[in-house]
Amino acid sequence: MSSQVKDEGTVEDSRPSREGGDRAQYGVCVFLALLGTAVIVDALGIAHVTSGTDPVGPRAVPLILGGLLVLLAVLYAVDVARGGRGEPEAGEDVDLSSGSDWRTVVLLIAVFLANALLIERLGWVISGALLFWGTAFALGNRHYIRNLLIAVTLSLTTFYAFAIGLGVNLPAGVLQGIL
């Protein structure tokens, strides 16, 4: 995307406008239409059951949402065909000319995989603390002790919030009987 700065500080886009819109935007339209169609087809498979307390039944909301997705896809396709395009992110603090930070991506994937593999054996409190601490480390925070204290607090808080607030028991692992 190239842009030119005018005298008054305004930015003018110098990209040549394409008639008919961008193919990637049409891809989004197709995706929305397919998603809406899938929701409608799936909703039609739901039994039409109504009662005195629920005169609408469980099919209404998915049918409405699927229809709205298809309608949105059609309206978006019309907008793209007329030359509409989204505004570029003005407040984003990202240098688009620099490459991806693959080290951070790999570290985050490793932390999530470790959490998935260790949650049953070690329990949520320990694996969750490793998840929170490892994520902070992967994203560049180097306050190790403070991050560990915050990670343990977060994992304990979420463990008890799920257990007491929602009635969902997260795995306790090696801390079974202590928590």
N, C-alpha and C. Protein backbone atom coordinates (compact mmCIF):
# COMPACT_ATOMS: atom_id res chain seq x y z
N MET A 1 0.86 -1.17 0.00
CA MET A 1 0.00 0.00 0.00
C MET A 1 0.90 1.21 0.00
N SER A 2 0.78 2.04 -1.00
CA SER A 2 1.58 3.25 -1.04
C SER A 2 0.70 4.44 -0.76
N SER A 3 1.27 5.41 -0.12
CA SER A 3 0.51 6.62 0.18
C SER A 3 1.42 7.82 0.06
N GLN A 4 0.82 8.95 -0.22
CA GLN A 4 1.58 10.19 -0.35
C GLN A 4 1.04 11.18 0.66
N VAL A 5 1.97 11.90 1.31
CA VAL A 5 1.57 12.89 2.29
C VAL A 5 1.47 14.23 1.60
N LYS A 6 0.33 14.89 1.75
CA LYS A 6 0.14 16.21 1.17
C LYS A 6 0.68 17.27 2.13
N ASP A 7 0.61 18.52 1.72
CA ASP A 7 1.14 19.62 2.51
C ASP A 7 0.45 19.76 3.86
N GLU A 8 -0.85 19.58 3.91
CA GLU A 8 -1.60 19.81 5.15
C GLU A 8 -1.54 18.62 6.10
N GLY A 9 -0.76 17.60 5.79
CA GLY A 9 -0.62 16.46 6.68
C GLY A 9 -1.66 15.37 6.38
N THR A 10 -2.43 15.51 5.31
CA THR A 10 -3.39 14.47 4.98
C THR A 10 -2.71 13.42 4.12
N VAL A 11 -3.21 12.23 4.18
CA VAL A 11 -2.63 11.13 3.44
C VAL A 11 -3.57 10.77 2.30
N GLU A 12 -3.00 10.69 1.10
CA GLU A 12 -3.80 10.34 -0.07
C GLU A 12 -3.30 9.00 -0.57
N ASP A 13 -4.19 8.06 -0.76
CA ASP A 13 -3.83 6.74 -1.25
C ASP A 13 -3.57 6.82 -2.74
N SER A 14 -2.37 6.37 -3.17
CA SER A 14 -2.03 6.46 -4.58
C SER A 14 -2.16 5.13 -5.30
N ARG A 15 -2.77 4.13 -4.66
CA ARG A 15 -2.98 2.85 -5.32
C ARG A 15 -3.97 3.02 -6.45
N PRO A 16 -3.75 2.35 -7.55
CA PRO A 16 -4.75 2.42 -8.61
C PRO A 16 -5.99 1.66 -8.19
N SER A 17 -7.15 2.28 -8.39
CA SER A 17 -8.38 1.60 -8.00
C SER A 17 -8.73 0.57 -9.06
N ARG A 18 -9.11 -0.60 -8.61
CA ARG A 18 -9.48 -1.67 -9.51
C ARG A 18 -10.98 -1.69 -9.68
N GLU A 19 -11.40 -1.80 -10.90
CA GLU A 19 -12.83 -1.94 -11.14
C GLU A 19 -13.24 -3.33 -10.72
N GLY A 20 -14.36 -3.42 -10.03
CA GLY A 20 -14.86 -4.72 -9.62
C GLY A 20 -14.39 -5.16 -8.26
N GLY A 21 -13.46 -4.45 -7.66
CA GLY A 21 -13.06 -4.77 -6.30
C GLY A 21 -11.90 -5.74 -6.22
N ASP A 22 -11.57 -6.08 -5.01
CA ASP A 22 -10.43 -6.93 -4.71
C ASP A 22 -10.89 -8.39 -4.59
N ARG A 23 -10.12 -9.31 -5.18
CA ARG A 23 -10.51 -10.73 -5.13
C ARG A 23 -10.49 -11.27 -3.71
N ALA A 24 -9.61 -10.78 -2.87
CA ALA A 24 -9.56 -11.25 -1.48
C ALA A 24 -10.85 -10.88 -0.75
N GLN A 25 -11.40 -9.71 -1.05
CA GLN A 25 -12.65 -9.31 -0.42
C GLN A 25 -13.81 -10.20 -0.87
N TYR A 26 -13.76 -10.61 -2.15
CA TYR A 26 -14.77 -11.54 -2.62
C TYR A 26 -14.62 -12.90 -1.93
N GLY A 27 -13.40 -13.26 -1.59
CA GLY A 27 -13.18 -14.48 -0.82
C GLY A 27 -13.86 -14.42 0.54
N VAL A 28 -13.80 -13.26 1.17
CA VAL A 28 -14.49 -13.07 2.45
C VAL A 28 -16.00 -13.20 2.24
N CYS A 29 -16.50 -12.64 1.15
CA CYS A 29 -17.94 -12.75 0.84
C CYS A 29 -18.35 -14.20 0.67
N VAL A 30 -17.55 -14.96 -0.07
CA VAL A 30 -17.85 -16.38 -0.28
C VAL A 30 -17.81 -17.13 1.04
N PHE A 31 -16.81 -16.84 1.87
CA PHE A 31 -16.72 -17.49 3.18
C PHE A 31 -17.96 -17.21 4.03
N LEU A 32 -18.38 -15.95 4.08
CA LEU A 32 -19.57 -15.59 4.86
C LEU A 32 -20.82 -16.28 4.31
N ALA A 33 -20.94 -16.34 2.99
CA ALA A 33 -22.10 -17.00 2.38
C ALA A 33 -22.10 -18.50 2.69
N LEU A 34 -20.93 -19.14 2.59
CA LEU A 34 -20.85 -20.57 2.90
C LEU A 34 -21.13 -20.83 4.38
N LEU A 35 -20.61 -19.98 5.24
CA LEU A 35 -20.85 -20.13 6.67
C LEU A 35 -22.34 -19.97 6.98
N GLY A 36 -22.96 -18.96 6.41
CA GLY A 36 -24.39 -18.75 6.62
C GLY A 36 -25.21 -19.91 6.10
N THR A 37 -24.85 -20.43 4.94
CA THR A 37 -25.56 -21.58 4.38
C THR A 37 -25.39 -22.81 5.27
N ALA A 38 -24.18 -23.03 5.78
CA ALA A 38 -23.95 -24.17 6.67
C ALA A 38 -24.77 -24.04 7.95
N VAL A 39 -24.87 -22.83 8.48
CA VAL A 39 -25.68 -22.62 9.69
C VAL A 39 -27.15 -22.89 9.40
N ILE A 40 -27.64 -22.44 8.25
CA ILE A 40 -29.04 -22.67 7.90
C ILE A 40 -29.31 -24.16 7.71
N VAL A 41 -28.44 -24.85 6.98
CA VAL A 41 -28.62 -26.29 6.75
C VAL A 41 -28.59 -27.04 8.07
N ASP A 42 -27.67 -26.68 8.94
CA ASP A 42 -27.58 -27.34 10.24
C ASP A 42 -28.82 -27.04 11.08
N ALA A 43 -29.32 -25.82 11.01
CA ALA A 43 -30.50 -25.45 11.79
C ALA A 43 -31.75 -26.18 11.30
N LEU A 44 -31.80 -26.45 10.01
CA LEU A 44 -32.97 -27.18 9.49
C LEU A 44 -33.00 -28.62 9.98
N GLY A 45 -31.87 -29.12 10.44
CA GLY A 45 -31.82 -30.46 11.00
C GLY A 45 -32.28 -30.54 12.44
N ILE A 46 -32.48 -29.41 13.08
CA ILE A 46 -32.95 -29.37 14.47
C ILE A 46 -34.45 -29.63 14.47
N ALA A 47 -34.89 -30.49 15.36
CA ALA A 47 -36.32 -30.79 15.45
C ALA A 47 -37.09 -29.53 15.85
N HIS A 48 -38.23 -29.34 15.19
CA HIS A 48 -39.06 -28.17 15.49
C HIS A 48 -39.95 -28.50 16.69
N VAL A 49 -39.44 -28.19 17.86
CA VAL A 49 -40.14 -28.49 19.11
C VAL A 49 -40.52 -27.17 19.76
N THR A 50 -41.79 -27.00 20.04
CA THR A 50 -42.25 -25.80 20.74
C THR A 50 -43.01 -26.22 21.98
N SER A 51 -43.12 -25.29 22.88
CA SER A 51 -43.88 -25.55 24.11
C SER A 51 -44.56 -24.25 24.52
N GLY A 52 -45.31 -24.33 25.60
CA GLY A 52 -45.99 -23.14 26.09
C GLY A 52 -45.03 -22.08 26.57
N THR A 53 -43.89 -22.50 27.09
CA THR A 53 -42.91 -21.54 27.58
C THR A 53 -41.91 -21.13 26.50
N ASP A 54 -41.84 -21.90 25.42
CA ASP A 54 -40.93 -21.59 24.32
C ASP A 54 -41.68 -21.77 23.00
N PRO A 55 -42.47 -20.76 22.62
CA PRO A 55 -43.26 -20.92 21.40
C PRO A 55 -42.43 -20.84 20.11
N VAL A 56 -41.21 -20.36 20.18
CA VAL A 56 -40.38 -20.20 18.99
C VAL A 56 -39.61 -21.47 18.67
N GLY A 57 -39.08 -22.13 19.67
CA GLY A 57 -38.30 -23.34 19.47
C GLY A 57 -36.83 -23.03 19.26
N PRO A 58 -36.00 -24.09 19.19
CA PRO A 58 -34.55 -23.91 19.09
C PRO A 58 -34.05 -23.60 17.70
N ARG A 59 -34.89 -23.69 16.67
CA ARG A 59 -34.44 -23.47 15.30
C ARG A 59 -34.37 -21.99 14.93
N ALA A 60 -35.11 -21.16 15.60
CA ALA A 60 -35.28 -19.78 15.16
C ALA A 60 -33.97 -18.99 15.14
N VAL A 61 -33.22 -19.05 16.21
CA VAL A 61 -32.00 -18.23 16.29
C VAL A 61 -30.96 -18.65 15.25
N PRO A 62 -30.66 -19.95 15.09
CA PRO A 62 -29.68 -20.29 14.04
C PRO A 62 -30.18 -19.94 12.63
N LEU A 63 -31.47 -20.08 12.38
CA LEU A 63 -31.99 -19.70 11.07
C LEU A 63 -31.84 -18.20 10.82
N ILE A 64 -32.13 -17.41 11.82
CA ILE A 64 -31.98 -15.96 11.69
C ILE A 64 -30.51 -15.58 11.49
N LEU A 65 -29.62 -16.17 12.29
CA LEU A 65 -28.20 -15.86 12.17
C LEU A 65 -27.64 -16.30 10.82
N GLY A 66 -28.03 -17.48 10.36
CA GLY A 66 -27.58 -17.94 9.05
C GLY A 66 -28.07 -17.03 7.94
N GLY A 67 -29.33 -16.63 8.02
CA GLY A 67 -29.88 -15.71 7.02
C GLY A 67 -29.17 -14.37 7.05
N LEU A 68 -28.85 -13.88 8.24
CA LEU A 68 -28.13 -12.60 8.34
C LEU A 68 -26.71 -12.72 7.78
N LEU A 69 -26.06 -13.86 7.97
CA LEU A 69 -24.73 -14.05 7.40
C LEU A 69 -24.78 -14.05 5.87
N VAL A 70 -25.77 -14.72 5.30
CA VAL A 70 -25.91 -14.72 3.84
C VAL A 70 -26.22 -13.31 3.34
N LEU A 71 -27.12 -12.61 4.02
CA LEU A 71 -27.44 -11.24 3.64
C LEU A 71 -26.22 -10.34 3.73
N LEU A 72 -25.44 -10.49 4.79
CA LEU A 72 -24.22 -9.71 4.95
C LEU A 72 -23.24 -9.99 3.82
N ALA A 73 -23.12 -11.26 3.42
CA ALA A 73 -22.22 -11.61 2.32
C ALA A 73 -22.65 -10.94 1.03
N VAL A 74 -23.96 -10.93 0.76
CA VAL A 74 -24.46 -10.30 -0.47
C VAL A 74 -24.22 -8.79 -0.42
N LEU A 75 -24.54 -8.15 0.71
CA LEU A 75 -24.35 -6.70 0.81
C LEU A 75 -22.87 -6.33 0.72
N TYR A 76 -22.02 -7.14 1.30
CA TYR A 76 -20.59 -6.87 1.24
C TYR A 76 -20.07 -7.04 -0.19
N ALA A 77 -20.56 -8.06 -0.91
CA ALA A 77 -20.15 -8.27 -2.30
C ALA A 77 -20.57 -7.08 -3.16
N VAL A 78 -21.76 -6.56 -2.92
CA VAL A 78 -22.23 -5.39 -3.67
C VAL A 78 -21.33 -4.19 -3.36
N ASP A 79 -20.98 -4.01 -2.09
CA ASP A 79 -20.10 -2.90 -1.71
C ASP A 79 -18.73 -3.02 -2.36
N VAL A 80 -18.17 -4.23 -2.37
CA VAL A 80 -16.87 -4.43 -2.99
C VAL A 80 -16.96 -4.18 -4.50
N ALA A 81 -18.04 -4.63 -5.13
CA ALA A 81 -18.20 -4.42 -6.57
C ALA A 81 -18.30 -2.94 -6.92
N ARG A 82 -18.85 -2.16 -6.01
CA ARG A 82 -18.97 -0.71 -6.23
C ARG A 82 -17.69 0.04 -5.90
N GLY A 83 -16.65 -0.68 -5.47
CA GLY A 83 -15.36 -0.03 -5.20
C GLY A 83 -15.12 0.27 -3.73
N GLY A 84 -16.00 -0.17 -2.86
CA GLY A 84 -15.80 0.09 -1.43
C GLY A 84 -14.64 -0.72 -0.88
N ARG A 85 -13.92 -0.12 0.03
CA ARG A 85 -12.85 -0.83 0.72
C ARG A 85 -12.70 -0.25 2.11
N GLY A 86 -12.16 -1.07 3.01
CA GLY A 86 -12.02 -0.65 4.39
C GLY A 86 -10.94 0.40 4.56
N GLU A 87 -11.08 1.16 5.62
CA GLU A 87 -10.08 2.17 5.95
C GLU A 87 -8.85 1.48 6.53
N PRO A 88 -7.66 1.95 6.18
CA PRO A 88 -6.46 1.38 6.79
C PRO A 88 -6.39 1.74 8.27
N GLU A 89 -5.73 0.90 9.02
CA GLU A 89 -5.57 1.13 10.45
C GLU A 89 -4.70 2.34 10.69
N ALA A 90 -5.29 3.40 11.22
CA ALA A 90 -4.54 4.63 11.43
C ALA A 90 -3.76 4.59 12.74
N GLY A 91 -4.30 3.99 13.76
CA GLY A 91 -3.66 4.04 15.06
C GLY A 91 -2.79 2.84 15.35
N GLU A 92 -2.64 1.95 14.40
CA GLU A 92 -1.86 0.74 14.63
C GLU A 92 -0.38 1.09 14.73
N ASP A 93 0.28 0.50 15.69
CA ASP A 93 1.69 0.78 15.96
C ASP A 93 2.55 -0.38 15.46
N VAL A 94 2.37 -0.77 14.19
CA VAL A 94 3.06 -1.91 13.63
C VAL A 94 3.84 -1.47 12.41
N ASP A 95 5.07 -1.91 12.33
CA ASP A 95 5.89 -1.64 11.16
C ASP A 95 5.65 -2.77 10.16
N LEU A 96 4.89 -2.49 9.12
CA LEU A 96 4.53 -3.51 8.15
C LEU A 96 5.69 -3.93 7.27
N SER A 97 6.77 -3.16 7.26
CA SER A 97 7.91 -3.52 6.43
C SER A 97 8.80 -4.56 7.11
N SER A 98 8.68 -4.73 8.43
CA SER A 98 9.50 -5.72 9.12
C SER A 98 8.84 -7.09 9.02
N GLY A 99 9.66 -8.12 9.15
CA GLY A 99 9.18 -9.49 9.03
C GLY A 99 8.49 -9.97 10.29
N SER A 100 8.01 -11.20 10.24
CA SER A 100 7.34 -11.80 11.40
C SER A 100 8.37 -12.21 12.44
N ASP A 101 7.96 -12.19 13.68
CA ASP A 101 8.81 -12.60 14.79
C ASP A 101 8.54 -14.08 15.06
N TRP A 102 9.20 -14.95 14.31
CA TRP A 102 8.93 -16.38 14.40
C TRP A 102 9.36 -16.97 15.74
N ARG A 103 10.32 -16.39 16.39
CA ARG A 103 10.74 -16.89 17.71
C ARG A 103 9.58 -16.79 18.69
N THR A 104 8.88 -15.67 18.69
CA THR A 104 7.75 -15.48 19.58
C THR A 104 6.63 -16.44 19.23
N VAL A 105 6.36 -16.62 17.96
CA VAL A 105 5.30 -17.53 17.53
C VAL A 105 5.62 -18.96 17.97
N VAL A 106 6.84 -19.40 17.77
CA VAL A 106 7.23 -20.76 18.15
C VAL A 106 7.17 -20.93 19.66
N LEU A 107 7.63 -19.93 20.42
CA LEU A 107 7.55 -20.01 21.88
C LEU A 107 6.10 -20.10 22.36
N LEU A 108 5.20 -19.32 21.77
CA LEU A 108 3.79 -19.37 22.16
C LEU A 108 3.18 -20.73 21.83
N ILE A 109 3.50 -21.27 20.67
CA ILE A 109 2.99 -22.60 20.31
C ILE A 109 3.51 -23.64 21.30
N ALA A 110 4.78 -23.55 21.66
CA ALA A 110 5.37 -24.49 22.62
C ALA A 110 4.69 -24.39 23.98
N VAL A 111 4.40 -23.18 24.42
CA VAL A 111 3.75 -22.99 25.72
C VAL A 111 2.34 -23.59 25.70
N PHE A 112 1.58 -23.36 24.62
CA PHE A 112 0.23 -23.91 24.54
C PHE A 112 0.25 -25.44 24.44
N LEU A 113 1.20 -25.99 23.68
CA LEU A 113 1.31 -27.44 23.60
C LEU A 113 1.70 -28.04 24.95
N ALA A 114 2.63 -27.40 25.64
CA ALA A 114 3.01 -27.88 26.97
C ALA A 114 1.82 -27.87 27.92
N ASN A 115 1.01 -26.82 27.85
CA ASN A 115 -0.18 -26.76 28.70
C ASN A 115 -1.13 -27.90 28.36
N ALA A 116 -1.34 -28.15 27.07
CA ALA A 116 -2.26 -29.22 26.67
C ALA A 116 -1.75 -30.59 27.11
N LEU A 117 -0.44 -30.80 27.07
CA LEU A 117 0.11 -32.09 27.45
C LEU A 117 0.22 -32.28 28.96
N LEU A 118 0.37 -31.21 29.71
CA LEU A 118 0.62 -31.31 31.15
C LEU A 118 -0.61 -31.09 32.02
N ILE A 119 -1.71 -30.63 31.46
CA ILE A 119 -2.85 -30.24 32.29
C ILE A 119 -3.44 -31.42 33.07
N GLU A 120 -3.48 -32.59 32.47
CA GLU A 120 -4.03 -33.76 33.18
C GLU A 120 -3.07 -34.26 34.25
N ARG A 121 -1.77 -34.30 33.93
CA ARG A 121 -0.79 -34.84 34.89
C ARG A 121 -0.52 -33.89 36.05
N LEU A 122 -0.25 -32.62 35.71
CA LEU A 122 0.12 -31.66 36.75
C LEU A 122 -1.08 -30.94 37.34
N GLY A 123 -2.17 -30.84 36.59
CA GLY A 123 -3.34 -30.10 37.04
C GLY A 123 -3.34 -28.69 36.49
N TRP A 124 -4.51 -28.07 36.56
CA TRP A 124 -4.66 -26.73 35.99
C TRP A 124 -3.81 -25.70 36.70
N VAL A 125 -3.71 -25.77 37.99
CA VAL A 125 -3.00 -24.71 38.72
C VAL A 125 -1.54 -24.63 38.27
N ILE A 126 -0.89 -25.77 38.16
CA ILE A 126 0.52 -25.76 37.75
C ILE A 126 0.65 -25.50 36.25
N SER A 127 -0.12 -26.22 35.43
CA SER A 127 0.00 -26.02 33.98
C SER A 127 -0.51 -24.64 33.57
N GLY A 128 -1.52 -24.14 34.25
CA GLY A 128 -2.01 -22.79 33.96
C GLY A 128 -0.99 -21.74 34.33
N ALA A 129 -0.31 -21.94 35.46
CA ALA A 129 0.74 -21.00 35.86
C ALA A 129 1.87 -21.02 34.83
N LEU A 130 2.23 -22.22 34.36
CA LEU A 130 3.26 -22.31 33.31
C LEU A 130 2.78 -21.64 32.02
N LEU A 131 1.50 -21.79 31.71
CA LEU A 131 0.94 -21.16 30.53
C LEU A 131 1.01 -19.64 30.62
N PHE A 132 0.56 -19.08 31.74
CA PHE A 132 0.57 -17.62 31.90
C PHE A 132 2.01 -17.09 31.95
N TRP A 133 2.89 -17.77 32.71
CA TRP A 133 4.27 -17.32 32.82
C TRP A 133 4.98 -17.44 31.48
N GLY A 134 4.80 -18.57 30.79
CA GLY A 134 5.45 -18.79 29.51
C GLY A 134 4.97 -17.81 28.44
N THR A 135 3.68 -17.45 28.48
CA THR A 135 3.16 -16.48 27.52
C THR A 135 3.78 -15.11 27.76
N ALA A 136 3.88 -14.71 29.02
CA ALA A 136 4.52 -13.43 29.33
C ALA A 136 5.98 -13.44 28.89
N PHE A 137 6.67 -14.55 29.11
CA PHE A 137 8.07 -14.68 28.69
C PHE A 137 8.18 -14.60 27.17
N ALA A 138 7.32 -15.33 26.46
CA ALA A 138 7.38 -15.35 24.99
C ALA A 138 7.11 -13.97 24.40
N LEU A 139 6.27 -13.20 25.07
CA LEU A 139 5.93 -11.86 24.57
C LEU A 139 6.93 -10.79 25.00
N GLY A 140 7.97 -11.21 25.72
CA GLY A 140 9.07 -10.28 25.98
C GLY A 140 9.18 -9.73 27.39
N ASN A 141 8.30 -10.10 28.30
CA ASN A 141 8.39 -9.59 29.67
C ASN A 141 9.46 -10.37 30.42
N ARG A 142 10.39 -9.69 31.03
CA ARG A 142 11.51 -10.35 31.71
C ARG A 142 11.50 -10.15 33.22
N HIS A 143 10.35 -9.88 33.81
CA HIS A 143 10.22 -9.80 35.27
C HIS A 143 9.79 -11.18 35.76
N TYR A 144 10.76 -12.09 35.88
CA TYR A 144 10.47 -13.50 36.11
C TYR A 144 9.70 -13.78 37.39
N ILE A 145 10.13 -13.23 38.50
CA ILE A 145 9.50 -13.51 39.80
C ILE A 145 8.11 -12.88 39.85
N ARG A 146 7.99 -11.64 39.44
CA ARG A 146 6.67 -10.99 39.43
C ARG A 146 5.71 -11.74 38.52
N ASN A 147 6.18 -12.14 37.33
CA ASN A 147 5.33 -12.88 36.41
C ASN A 147 4.90 -14.22 36.99
N LEU A 148 5.80 -14.88 37.72
CA LEU A 148 5.45 -16.16 38.33
C LEU A 148 4.38 -15.96 39.41
N LEU A 149 4.51 -14.91 40.21
CA LEU A 149 3.49 -14.64 41.23
C LEU A 149 2.14 -14.31 40.59
N ILE A 150 2.16 -13.53 39.54
CA ILE A 150 0.92 -13.20 38.84
C ILE A 150 0.33 -14.45 38.19
N ALA A 151 1.18 -15.31 37.60
CA ALA A 151 0.71 -16.52 36.95
C ALA A 151 0.07 -17.47 37.94
N VAL A 152 0.68 -17.66 39.10
CA VAL A 152 0.11 -18.54 40.13
C VAL A 152 -1.21 -17.96 40.63
N THR A 153 -1.26 -16.66 40.85
CA THR A 153 -2.50 -16.01 41.29
C THR A 153 -3.60 -16.19 40.25
N LEU A 154 -3.27 -15.98 38.99
CA LEU A 154 -4.27 -16.15 37.92
C LEU A 154 -4.77 -17.59 37.83
N SER A 155 -3.87 -18.55 37.90
CA SER A 155 -4.30 -19.95 37.76
C SER A 155 -5.11 -20.40 38.97
N LEU A 156 -4.73 -19.97 40.16
CA LEU A 156 -5.54 -20.30 41.35
C LEU A 156 -6.90 -19.63 41.29
N THR A 157 -6.93 -18.37 40.87
CA THR A 157 -8.20 -17.64 40.77
C THR A 157 -9.12 -18.29 39.76
N THR A 158 -8.59 -18.64 38.59
CA THR A 158 -9.44 -19.28 37.58
C THR A 158 -9.87 -20.67 38.02
N PHE A 159 -9.00 -21.40 38.73
CA PHE A 159 -9.36 -22.74 39.23
C PHE A 159 -10.57 -22.65 40.15
N TYR A 160 -10.51 -21.74 41.11
CA TYR A 160 -11.63 -21.61 42.06
C TYR A 160 -12.84 -20.91 41.44
N ALA A 161 -12.63 -20.01 40.49
CA ALA A 161 -13.76 -19.37 39.82
C ALA A 161 -14.55 -20.40 39.03
N PHE A 162 -13.87 -21.31 38.35
CA PHE A 162 -14.56 -22.36 37.63
C PHE A 162 -15.23 -23.33 38.59
N ALA A 163 -14.53 -23.72 39.66
CA ALA A 163 -15.08 -24.70 40.60
C ALA A 163 -16.26 -24.15 41.38
N ILE A 164 -16.11 -22.96 41.94
CA ILE A 164 -17.15 -22.40 42.80
C ILE A 164 -18.19 -21.64 41.98
N GLY A 165 -17.73 -20.79 41.07
CA GLY A 165 -18.65 -19.95 40.33
C GLY A 165 -19.44 -20.68 39.26
N LEU A 166 -18.79 -21.59 38.55
CA LEU A 166 -19.45 -22.27 37.44
C LEU A 166 -19.77 -23.73 37.71
N GLY A 167 -19.19 -24.29 38.75
CA GLY A 167 -19.42 -25.71 39.05
C GLY A 167 -18.67 -26.64 38.12
N VAL A 168 -17.63 -26.14 37.47
CA VAL A 168 -16.82 -26.94 36.56
C VAL A 168 -15.51 -27.26 37.25
N ASN A 169 -15.22 -28.53 37.40
CA ASN A 169 -14.00 -28.93 38.08
C ASN A 169 -12.86 -29.06 37.07
N LEU A 170 -11.88 -28.20 37.19
CA LEU A 170 -10.68 -28.30 36.38
C LEU A 170 -9.78 -29.37 37.02
N PRO A 171 -8.92 -30.02 36.24
CA PRO A 171 -8.07 -31.07 36.82
C PRO A 171 -7.14 -30.51 37.89
N ALA A 172 -7.06 -31.22 39.01
CA ALA A 172 -6.19 -30.80 40.11
C ALA A 172 -4.81 -31.41 39.97
N GLY A 173 -4.69 -32.55 39.28
CA GLY A 173 -3.39 -33.19 39.05
C GLY A 173 -2.69 -33.58 40.32
N VAL A 174 -1.42 -33.22 40.43
CA VAL A 174 -0.61 -33.61 41.59
C VAL A 174 -1.06 -32.88 42.86
N LEU A 175 -1.87 -31.85 42.72
CA LEU A 175 -2.37 -31.11 43.89
C LEU A 175 -3.73 -31.63 44.37
N GLN A 176 -4.14 -32.80 43.87
CA GLN A 176 -5.40 -33.40 44.29
C GLN A 176 -5.39 -33.62 45.80
N GLY A 177 -6.39 -33.16 46.47
CA GLY A 177 -6.48 -33.26 47.93
C GLY A 177 -5.95 -32.03 48.63
N ILE A 178 -5.11 -31.25 47.99
CA ILE A 178 -4.58 -30.04 48.59
C ILE A 178 -5.48 -28.85 48.28
N LEU A 179 -5.99 -28.81 47.06
CA LEU A 179 -6.83 -27.68 46.63
C LEU A 179 -8.26 -27.89 47.06
